[in-house]
Amino acid sequence: MRIQLDFDELGVELVEELQRLTGCRTYKDLFNNAISLLDWSVRQRLEGRKIISVDARDGAAKELVMPVLQHAAQLGEREAAAAEPALSR
């Protein structure tokens, strides 16, 4: 499958900066990694887990909040609620 993306100047700068920071040599490598991370994150939220970043210095935690992850969490909650009556039989 071939997908074409159009970025404005800020988007191009972000992609180039992410390539530099991650060592990804190609756009394909960068976007494959980005899709893998999103896939994992969505699956975690579907299972009722939260995506948390913990500061190694002081243990402070911060949750990753994104509309797509909120959507997945809500979908997971609805699916769990629909399966609940079947489990109690």
N, C-alpha and C. Protein backbone atom coordinates (compact mmCIF):
# COMPACT_ATOMS: atom_id res chain seq x y z
N MET A 1 0.84 -1.16 0.00
CA MET A 1 0.00 0.00 0.00
C MET A 1 0.89 1.24 0.00
N ARG A 2 0.49 2.18 -0.76
CA ARG A 2 1.23 3.45 -0.81
C ARG A 2 0.34 4.53 -0.22
N ILE A 3 0.91 5.31 0.69
CA ILE A 3 0.18 6.41 1.31
C ILE A 3 0.99 7.68 1.11
N GLN A 4 0.32 8.73 0.68
CA GLN A 4 0.98 10.01 0.49
C GLN A 4 0.51 10.98 1.55
N LEU A 5 1.44 11.63 2.22
CA LEU A 5 1.12 12.60 3.26
C LEU A 5 1.65 13.97 2.85
N ASP A 6 0.88 15.00 3.12
CA ASP A 6 1.30 16.36 2.84
C ASP A 6 1.46 17.08 4.17
N PHE A 7 2.64 17.66 4.41
CA PHE A 7 2.95 18.37 5.64
C PHE A 7 3.20 19.84 5.34
N ASP A 8 2.80 20.69 6.28
CA ASP A 8 3.19 22.09 6.17
C ASP A 8 4.63 22.21 6.67
N GLU A 9 5.17 23.40 6.66
CA GLU A 9 6.58 23.60 7.03
C GLU A 9 6.88 23.13 8.46
N LEU A 10 5.97 23.41 9.40
CA LEU A 10 6.18 22.97 10.78
C LEU A 10 6.15 21.45 10.89
N GLY A 11 5.28 20.82 10.12
CA GLY A 11 5.21 19.36 10.11
C GLY A 11 6.49 18.74 9.58
N VAL A 12 7.02 19.31 8.53
CA VAL A 12 8.28 18.83 7.96
C VAL A 12 9.40 18.97 8.98
N GLU A 13 9.45 20.12 9.66
CA GLU A 13 10.48 20.33 10.68
C GLU A 13 10.35 19.30 11.80
N LEU A 14 9.13 19.00 12.21
CA LEU A 14 8.92 18.01 13.27
C LEU A 14 9.38 16.63 12.82
N VAL A 15 9.02 16.22 11.61
CA VAL A 15 9.43 14.92 11.10
C VAL A 15 10.95 14.84 11.03
N GLU A 16 11.59 15.88 10.54
CA GLU A 16 13.05 15.88 10.45
C GLU A 16 13.70 15.83 11.83
N GLU A 17 13.13 16.56 12.79
CA GLU A 17 13.65 16.54 14.16
C GLU A 17 13.47 15.16 14.79
N LEU A 18 12.33 14.54 14.55
CA LEU A 18 12.11 13.19 15.09
C LEU A 18 13.06 12.18 14.45
N GLN A 19 13.33 12.34 13.18
CA GLN A 19 14.32 11.46 12.54
C GLN A 19 15.68 11.64 13.21
N ARG A 20 16.07 12.86 13.46
CA ARG A 20 17.36 13.13 14.08
C ARG A 20 17.41 12.54 15.50
N LEU A 21 16.36 12.77 16.27
CA LEU A 21 16.35 12.31 17.66
C LEU A 21 16.26 10.80 17.80
N THR A 22 15.64 10.14 16.83
CA THR A 22 15.45 8.69 16.93
C THR A 22 16.47 7.88 16.13
N GLY A 23 17.18 8.53 15.26
CA GLY A 23 18.14 7.80 14.42
C GLY A 23 17.48 7.06 13.26
N CYS A 24 16.19 7.31 13.03
CA CYS A 24 15.52 6.69 11.89
C CYS A 24 16.09 7.30 10.61
N ARG A 25 16.53 6.46 9.72
CA ARG A 25 17.16 6.95 8.49
C ARG A 25 16.16 7.25 7.38
N THR A 26 15.00 6.59 7.45
CA THR A 26 14.01 6.79 6.39
C THR A 26 12.68 7.19 6.99
N TYR A 27 11.85 7.82 6.16
CA TYR A 27 10.49 8.14 6.59
C TYR A 27 9.73 6.86 6.92
N LYS A 28 9.95 5.84 6.12
CA LYS A 28 9.27 4.56 6.34
C LYS A 28 9.59 4.03 7.73
N ASP A 29 10.85 4.05 8.12
CA ASP A 29 11.26 3.57 9.44
C ASP A 29 10.61 4.42 10.54
N LEU A 30 10.63 5.72 10.38
CA LEU A 30 10.03 6.62 11.37
C LEU A 30 8.54 6.34 11.52
N PHE A 31 7.83 6.25 10.42
CA PHE A 31 6.38 6.07 10.50
C PHE A 31 6.01 4.65 10.93
N ASN A 32 6.80 3.64 10.59
CA ASN A 32 6.55 2.29 11.10
C ASN A 32 6.67 2.27 12.62
N ASN A 33 7.66 2.97 13.16
CA ASN A 33 7.81 3.05 14.61
C ASN A 33 6.66 3.82 15.24
N ALA A 34 6.25 4.89 14.62
CA ALA A 34 5.14 5.68 15.15
C ALA A 34 3.85 4.86 15.16
N ILE A 35 3.59 4.11 14.11
CA ILE A 35 2.38 3.27 14.04
C ILE A 35 2.47 2.16 15.07
N SER A 36 3.64 1.59 15.27
CA SER A 36 3.80 0.53 16.29
C SER A 36 3.50 1.07 17.68
N LEU A 37 3.99 2.26 17.98
CA LEU A 37 3.73 2.87 19.29
C LEU A 37 2.24 3.17 19.46
N LEU A 38 1.60 3.71 18.44
CA LEU A 38 0.17 3.99 18.53
C LEU A 38 -0.62 2.70 18.68
N ASP A 39 -0.27 1.68 17.94
CA ASP A 39 -0.95 0.39 18.03
C ASP A 39 -0.87 -0.16 19.45
N TRP A 40 0.33 -0.16 20.03
CA TRP A 40 0.51 -0.65 21.40
C TRP A 40 -0.31 0.18 22.38
N SER A 41 -0.27 1.50 22.24
CA SER A 41 -0.98 2.40 23.14
C SER A 41 -2.49 2.18 23.08
N VAL A 42 -3.02 2.04 21.89
CA VAL A 42 -4.46 1.80 21.72
C VAL A 42 -4.85 0.48 22.37
N ARG A 43 -4.05 -0.55 22.16
CA ARG A 43 -4.36 -1.86 22.76
C ARG A 43 -4.32 -1.80 24.29
N GLN A 44 -3.40 -1.03 24.83
CA GLN A 44 -3.34 -0.87 26.28
C GLN A 44 -4.61 -0.20 26.80
N ARG A 45 -5.04 0.85 26.13
CA ARG A 45 -6.24 1.59 26.56
C ARG A 45 -7.50 0.73 26.39
N LEU A 46 -7.56 -0.09 25.33
CA LEU A 46 -8.69 -1.00 25.15
C LEU A 46 -8.81 -1.96 26.33
N GLU A 47 -7.68 -2.33 26.92
CA GLU A 47 -7.65 -3.26 28.05
C GLU A 47 -7.82 -2.55 29.39
N GLY A 48 -8.07 -1.23 29.36
CA GLY A 48 -8.31 -0.49 30.58
C GLY A 48 -7.05 0.02 31.26
N ARG A 49 -5.92 -0.05 30.60
CA ARG A 49 -4.67 0.47 31.15
C ARG A 49 -4.48 1.93 30.75
N LYS A 50 -3.66 2.64 31.51
CA LYS A 50 -3.30 4.01 31.19
C LYS A 50 -1.86 4.04 30.72
N ILE A 51 -1.52 5.01 29.89
CA ILE A 51 -0.16 5.21 29.40
C ILE A 51 0.44 6.31 30.26
N ILE A 52 1.45 5.96 31.03
CA ILE A 52 2.03 6.87 32.01
C ILE A 52 3.53 7.03 31.77
N SER A 53 4.01 8.26 31.93
CA SER A 53 5.43 8.56 31.91
C SER A 53 5.83 8.88 33.35
N VAL A 54 6.91 8.23 33.83
CA VAL A 54 7.37 8.45 35.19
C VAL A 54 8.75 9.08 35.15
N ASP A 55 8.90 10.20 35.84
CA ASP A 55 10.19 10.89 35.93
C ASP A 55 11.13 10.03 36.77
N ALA A 56 12.25 9.64 36.20
CA ALA A 56 13.21 8.77 36.89
C ALA A 56 13.84 9.46 38.11
N ARG A 57 13.84 10.78 38.13
CA ARG A 57 14.48 11.50 39.24
C ARG A 57 13.60 11.56 40.48
N ASP A 58 12.32 11.92 40.28
CA ASP A 58 11.48 12.13 41.47
C ASP A 58 10.22 11.27 41.50
N GLY A 59 10.04 10.43 40.51
CA GLY A 59 8.89 9.53 40.49
C GLY A 59 7.58 10.19 40.10
N ALA A 60 7.62 11.47 39.73
CA ALA A 60 6.40 12.15 39.30
C ALA A 60 5.87 11.48 38.03
N ALA A 61 4.55 11.30 38.00
CA ALA A 61 3.93 10.61 36.87
C ALA A 61 3.04 11.56 36.09
N LYS A 62 2.98 11.31 34.79
CA LYS A 62 2.13 12.11 33.91
C LYS A 62 1.48 11.16 32.90
N GLU A 63 0.17 11.26 32.77
CA GLU A 63 -0.57 10.40 31.85
C GLU A 63 -0.56 10.99 30.45
N LEU A 64 -0.40 10.13 29.46
CA LEU A 64 -0.52 10.54 28.07
C LEU A 64 -2.01 10.60 27.72
N VAL A 65 -2.47 11.79 27.36
CA VAL A 65 -3.87 11.98 27.02
C VAL A 65 -3.94 12.45 25.57
N MET A 66 -4.64 11.67 24.76
CA MET A 66 -4.84 12.00 23.35
C MET A 66 -6.27 11.59 22.98
N PRO A 67 -6.94 12.34 22.14
CA PRO A 67 -8.31 11.97 21.76
C PRO A 67 -8.43 10.54 21.23
N VAL A 68 -7.47 10.09 20.44
CA VAL A 68 -7.57 8.73 19.90
C VAL A 68 -7.47 7.68 21.00
N LEU A 69 -6.68 7.96 22.03
CA LEU A 69 -6.55 7.01 23.13
C LEU A 69 -7.79 7.05 24.02
N GLN A 70 -8.39 8.23 24.19
CA GLN A 70 -9.64 8.33 24.94
C GLN A 70 -10.74 7.54 24.22
N HIS A 71 -10.77 7.64 22.91
CA HIS A 71 -11.76 6.90 22.12
C HIS A 71 -11.58 5.40 22.35
N ALA A 72 -10.35 4.93 22.29
CA ALA A 72 -10.07 3.51 22.49
C ALA A 72 -10.48 3.07 23.90
N ALA A 73 -10.20 3.91 24.91
CA ALA A 73 -10.57 3.58 26.29
C ALA A 73 -12.08 3.46 26.43
N GLN A 74 -12.82 4.38 25.83
CA GLN A 74 -14.28 4.34 25.89
C GLN A 74 -14.82 3.10 25.18
N LEU A 75 -14.22 2.76 24.06
CA LEU A 75 -14.62 1.56 23.32
C LEU A 75 -14.37 0.32 24.18
N GLY A 76 -13.21 0.27 24.83
CA GLY A 76 -12.89 -0.86 25.70
C GLY A 76 -13.86 -0.98 26.86
N GLU A 77 -14.26 0.16 27.44
CA GLU A 77 -15.24 0.16 28.54
C GLU A 77 -16.59 -0.35 28.07
N ARG A 78 -17.02 0.08 26.88
CA ARG A 78 -18.31 -0.38 26.34
C ARG A 78 -18.27 -1.88 26.07
N GLU A 79 -17.17 -2.35 25.50
CA GLU A 79 -17.06 -3.78 25.21
C GLU A 79 -17.05 -4.60 26.50
N ALA A 80 -16.35 -4.10 27.52
CA ALA A 80 -16.30 -4.80 28.80
C ALA A 80 -17.69 -4.83 29.44
N ALA A 81 -18.42 -3.73 29.37
CA ALA A 81 -19.76 -3.68 29.95
C ALA A 81 -20.71 -4.61 29.21
N ALA A 82 -20.57 -4.71 27.90
CA ALA A 82 -21.44 -5.60 27.12
C ALA A 82 -21.13 -7.05 27.42
N ALA A 83 -19.89 -7.37 27.75
CA ALA A 83 -19.51 -8.75 28.04
C ALA A 83 -19.86 -9.14 29.47
N GLU A 84 -20.03 -8.17 30.37
CA GLU A 84 -20.29 -8.45 31.78
C GLU A 84 -21.53 -9.32 32.02
N PRO A 85 -22.69 -8.99 31.45
CA PRO A 85 -23.86 -9.84 31.72
C PRO A 85 -23.65 -11.29 31.29
N ALA A 86 -22.90 -11.49 30.21
CA ALA A 86 -22.65 -12.85 29.73
C ALA A 86 -21.78 -13.61 30.73
N LEU A 87 -20.90 -12.92 31.43
CA LEU A 87 -20.03 -13.56 32.40
C LEU A 87 -20.77 -13.97 33.67
N SER A 88 -21.84 -13.27 34.01
CA SER A 88 -22.55 -13.55 35.27
C SER A 88 -23.59 -14.66 35.13
N ARG A 89 -23.74 -15.18 33.95
CA ARG A 89 -24.73 -16.26 33.74
C ARG A 89 -24.25 -17.57 34.26
